[in-house]
N, C-alpha and C. Protein backbone atom coordinates (compact mmCIF):
# COMPACT_ATOMS: atom_id res chain seq x y z
N UNK A 1 32.10 11.14 40.92
CA UNK A 1 33.33 11.13 41.30
C UNK A 1 34.21 12.25 40.81
N UNK A 2 34.98 12.78 41.50
CA UNK A 2 35.99 13.94 40.91
C UNK A 2 36.85 13.64 40.35
N UNK A 3 37.55 14.30 39.36
CA UNK A 3 38.55 14.01 38.33
C UNK A 3 39.54 14.33 39.31
N UNK A 4 40.34 13.27 39.60
CA UNK A 4 42.07 13.69 40.03
C UNK A 4 42.94 14.75 39.22
N UNK A 5 42.83 14.45 38.00
CA UNK A 5 43.62 15.49 37.27
C UNK A 5 43.05 17.09 37.34
N UNK A 6 41.97 17.40 37.48
CA UNK A 6 41.61 18.92 37.78
C UNK A 6 41.80 19.46 38.85
N UNK A 7 42.47 18.78 40.04
CA UNK A 7 42.70 19.20 41.37
C UNK A 7 43.97 20.24 41.46
N UNK A 8 44.08 21.19 42.22
CA UNK A 8 45.15 21.91 42.47
C UNK A 8 46.37 21.18 43.00
N UNK A 9 47.52 21.48 42.15
CA UNK A 9 48.60 21.02 42.64
C UNK A 9 49.80 21.90 42.85
N UNK A 10 49.93 22.32 44.12
CA UNK A 10 50.83 23.26 44.25
C UNK A 10 52.46 22.94 43.96
N UNK A 11 52.59 21.72 43.85
CA UNK A 11 54.19 21.47 43.17
C UNK A 11 54.11 21.82 41.99
N UNK A 12 53.10 21.55 41.28
CA UNK A 12 53.32 21.68 39.67
C UNK A 12 53.07 23.12 39.52
N UNK A 13 52.61 24.12 40.39
CA UNK A 13 52.46 25.24 40.19
C UNK A 13 53.81 26.16 40.50
N UNK A 14 54.40 25.27 41.64
CA UNK A 14 55.71 25.99 41.57
C UNK A 14 56.63 25.70 40.64
N UNK A 15 56.67 24.67 39.82
CA UNK A 15 57.61 24.04 38.83
C UNK A 15 57.38 24.91 37.87
N UNK A 16 55.94 25.17 37.48
CA UNK A 16 55.82 25.75 36.33
C UNK A 16 55.94 27.42 36.46
N UNK A 17 56.11 27.83 37.84
CA UNK A 17 56.34 29.33 37.91
C UNK A 17 57.83 29.36 37.79
N UNK A 18 58.74 28.44 38.24
CA UNK A 18 60.03 28.54 37.99
C UNK A 18 60.51 28.50 36.43
N UNK A 19 59.74 27.42 36.03
CA UNK A 19 60.00 27.12 34.66
C UNK A 19 59.96 28.27 33.51
N UNK A 20 58.74 29.06 33.91
CA UNK A 20 58.49 30.60 33.13
C UNK A 20 59.18 31.37 33.59
N UNK A 21 59.91 31.46 34.71
CA UNK A 21 60.77 32.54 34.99
C UNK A 21 62.29 32.50 34.39
N UNK A 22 62.44 30.93 34.23
CA UNK A 22 63.75 30.74 33.70
C UNK A 22 63.78 31.10 31.87
N UNK A 23 62.41 30.47 31.50
CA UNK A 23 62.33 31.11 29.91
C UNK A 23 62.25 32.39 29.75
N UNK A 24 61.79 33.19 30.81
CA UNK A 24 61.82 34.63 30.28
C UNK A 24 62.87 35.08 30.15
N UNK A 25 63.79 34.56 31.30
CA UNK A 25 65.08 35.06 31.42
C UNK A 25 66.04 34.49 29.95
N UNK A 26 65.66 33.42 29.78
CA UNK A 26 66.53 33.28 28.47
C UNK A 26 66.30 33.98 27.34
N UNK A 27 64.94 33.97 27.18
CA UNK A 27 64.30 34.91 26.41
C UNK A 27 64.88 36.30 26.00
N UNK A 28 65.04 36.88 27.30
CA UNK A 28 65.83 38.37 27.45
C UNK A 28 67.07 38.47 26.88
N UNK A 29 67.96 37.27 27.37
CA UNK A 29 69.23 37.14 26.87
C UNK A 29 69.32 37.00 25.50
N UNK A 30 68.44 36.20 24.71
CA UNK A 30 68.75 36.20 23.32
C UNK A 30 68.30 37.05 22.85
N UNK A 31 67.11 37.90 23.59
CA UNK A 31 67.08 39.11 22.67
C UNK A 31 68.04 40.19 22.53
N UNK A 32 68.67 40.21 23.57
CA UNK A 32 69.98 41.27 24.05
C UNK A 32 70.92 40.93 23.23
N UNK A 33 71.42 39.57 23.04
CA UNK A 33 72.30 39.12 22.15
C UNK A 33 72.24 39.30 20.83
N UNK A 34 70.94 39.12 20.30
CA UNK A 34 70.57 39.31 18.81
C UNK A 34 70.53 40.80 18.76
N UNK A 35 70.47 41.79 19.67
CA UNK A 35 70.34 43.09 19.30
C UNK A 35 71.68 43.39 19.22
N UNK A 36 72.56 42.92 19.97
CA UNK A 36 73.96 43.25 19.96
C UNK A 36 74.59 42.95 18.50
N UNK A 37 74.34 41.73 18.03
CA UNK A 37 74.87 41.26 17.02
C UNK A 37 74.39 42.24 15.82
N UNK A 38 72.85 42.57 15.90
CA UNK A 38 72.50 43.40 14.51
C UNK A 38 73.29 44.79 14.87
N UNK A 39 73.49 45.17 15.99
CA UNK A 39 74.46 46.75 15.94
C UNK A 39 75.48 46.66 15.27
N UNK A 40 76.33 45.30 15.80
CA UNK A 40 77.73 45.28 15.64
C UNK A 40 77.59 44.96 13.79
N UNK A 41 76.66 44.52 13.25
CA UNK A 41 76.72 44.10 12.13
C UNK A 41 76.30 45.48 10.95
N UNK A 42 75.64 46.19 11.65
CA UNK A 42 75.29 47.62 11.05
C UNK A 42 76.57 48.65 10.99
N UNK A 43 77.15 48.45 12.41
CA UNK A 43 78.46 49.33 12.44
C UNK A 43 79.58 48.88 11.44
N UNK A 44 79.65 47.50 11.30
CA UNK A 44 80.60 47.03 10.31
C UNK A 44 80.30 47.37 8.64
N UNK A 45 78.97 47.31 8.61
CA UNK A 45 78.67 47.71 7.39
C UNK A 45 78.57 49.16 6.83
N UNK A 46 78.71 49.86 7.81
CA UNK A 46 78.64 51.42 7.48
C UNK A 46 79.45 52.05 7.73
N UNK A 47 80.54 53.22 6.85
CA UNK A 47 81.72 53.51 7.37
C UNK A 47 81.37 54.67 8.31
N UNK A 48 82.63 54.88 8.97
CA UNK A 48 82.55 55.57 10.14
C UNK A 48 82.40 56.95 10.10
N UNK A 49 81.97 57.66 11.10
CA UNK A 49 81.49 58.83 10.63
C UNK A 49 82.71 60.11 10.68
N UNK A 50 82.20 60.92 9.71
CA UNK A 50 83.61 61.86 9.79
C UNK A 50 83.88 62.86 10.58
N UNK A 51 84.85 63.02 10.92
CA UNK A 51 85.31 63.62 11.97
C UNK A 51 84.92 65.29 11.64
N UNK A 52 84.39 65.69 12.96
CA UNK A 52 84.17 67.15 12.91
C UNK A 52 85.08 68.17 13.24
N UNK A 53 85.05 68.95 12.15
CA UNK A 53 86.35 70.00 12.60
C UNK A 53 85.53 71.02 13.77
N UNK A 54 86.43 70.98 14.38
CA UNK A 54 86.72 72.18 15.59
C UNK A 54 86.19 73.68 14.99
N UNK A 55 85.29 74.50 15.63
CA UNK A 55 85.05 75.93 15.39
C UNK A 55 86.41 76.65 15.35
N UNK A 56 86.55 77.35 15.01
CA UNK A 56 87.53 78.52 15.03
C UNK A 56 87.20 79.38 16.24
N UNK A 57 88.42 79.49 16.93
CA UNK A 57 88.16 80.60 18.09
C UNK A 57 87.83 81.98 17.85
N UNK A 58 86.92 82.74 18.30
CA UNK A 58 86.45 83.80 17.82
C UNK A 58 87.61 85.10 18.24
N UNK A 59 87.86 85.95 17.72
CA UNK A 59 88.90 86.91 17.94
C UNK A 59 88.32 88.22 18.68
């Protein structure tokens, strides 16, 4: 007798594909937010760059 749990289930496949898509999207959003937070922390911890002097015009 064939095992019914080993049969292909198209609805389960669709559901898992959608869940995987959502998980990937959430993972990307979290990674982007973490990177923004890291950049903000580094920017607040370091002093601002010094203003560059304008070169003198040549005569």
